[in-house]
């Protein structure tokens, strides 16, 4: 799972930063809302990497 997370880390962090900045400015500079959005995106990135790794292992069981 950590390899999957490491492989997508840089791209996801850029996306999360841009999306958080967009939310921050679009909603009138409410930093608490942007912080909550940022936290949920970080959790989503971690859970997505875990789920992607699990799915990859299920689809290719002979490699693991």
Protein backbone atom coordinates (compact mmCIF):
# COMPACT_ATOMS: atom_id res chain seq x y z
CA UNK A 1 0.00 0.00 0.00
CA UNK A 2 2.81 2.42 0.81
CA UNK A 3 4.26 1.95 -2.66
CA UNK A 4 0.91 2.90 -4.21
CA UNK A 5 0.68 5.94 -1.92
CA UNK A 6 4.27 6.99 -2.71
CA UNK A 7 3.70 6.57 -6.43
CA UNK A 8 0.71 8.95 -6.44
CA UNK A 9 1.81 11.27 -3.62
CA UNK A 10 3.26 14.17 -5.61
CA UNK A 11 0.39 14.43 -8.11
CA UNK A 12 -2.25 14.13 -5.40
CA UNK A 13 -0.62 16.78 -3.22
CA UNK A 14 -0.58 19.24 -6.12
CA UNK A 15 -4.23 18.52 -6.86
CA UNK A 16 -5.20 18.82 -3.19
CA UNK A 17 -3.35 22.14 -2.85
CA UNK A 18 -5.02 23.58 -5.95
CA UNK A 19 -8.46 22.33 -4.92
CA UNK A 20 -8.04 23.66 -1.38
CA UNK A 21 -6.92 27.04 -2.71
CA UNK A 22 -9.91 27.10 -5.04
CA UNK A 23 -12.29 26.31 -2.20
CA UNK A 24 -10.64 28.92 0.01
CA UNK A 25 -11.09 31.72 -2.51
CA UNK A 26 -14.44 30.57 -3.92
CA UNK A 27 -16.12 30.45 -0.53
CA UNK A 28 -15.02 33.88 0.63
CA UNK A 29 -11.73 33.04 2.35
CA UNK A 30 -13.13 30.89 5.12
CA UNK A 31 -9.97 29.17 6.31
CA UNK A 32 -11.77 26.72 8.59
CA UNK A 33 -13.83 25.35 5.69
CA UNK A 34 -10.71 25.11 3.55
CA UNK A 35 -8.88 23.32 6.37
CA UNK A 36 -11.70 20.79 6.71
CA UNK A 37 -11.69 20.26 2.96
CA UNK A 38 -7.92 19.79 3.02
CA UNK A 39 -8.14 17.21 5.83
CA UNK A 40 -10.83 15.23 4.04
CA UNK A 41 -8.84 15.24 0.80
CA UNK A 42 -5.78 13.91 2.67
CA UNK A 43 -7.84 11.11 4.21
CA UNK A 44 -9.32 10.40 0.77
CA UNK A 45 -5.87 10.17 -0.79
CA UNK A 46 -4.73 7.68 1.85
CA UNK A 47 -7.89 5.55 1.64
CA UNK A 48 -7.76 5.70 -2.16
CA UNK A 49 -4.20 4.36 -2.18
CA UNK A 50 -5.21 1.58 0.21
CA UNK A 51 -8.23 0.67 -1.90
CA UNK A 52 -6.26 0.86 -5.16
CA UNK A 53 -3.59 -1.47 -3.80
CA UNK A 54 -6.21 -3.90 -2.55
CA UNK A 55 -7.99 -3.85 -5.91
CA UNK A 56 -4.72 -4.35 -7.78
CA UNK A 57 -3.89 -7.39 -5.63
CA UNK A 58 -7.34 -8.85 -6.25
CA UNK A 59 -7.07 -8.43 -10.01
CA UNK A 60 -3.53 -9.82 -10.22
CA UNK A 61 -3.21 -12.41 -7.45
CA UNK A 62 -0.38 -14.32 -9.16
CA UNK A 63 2.04 -11.40 -8.63
CA UNK A 64 1.57 -11.15 -4.85
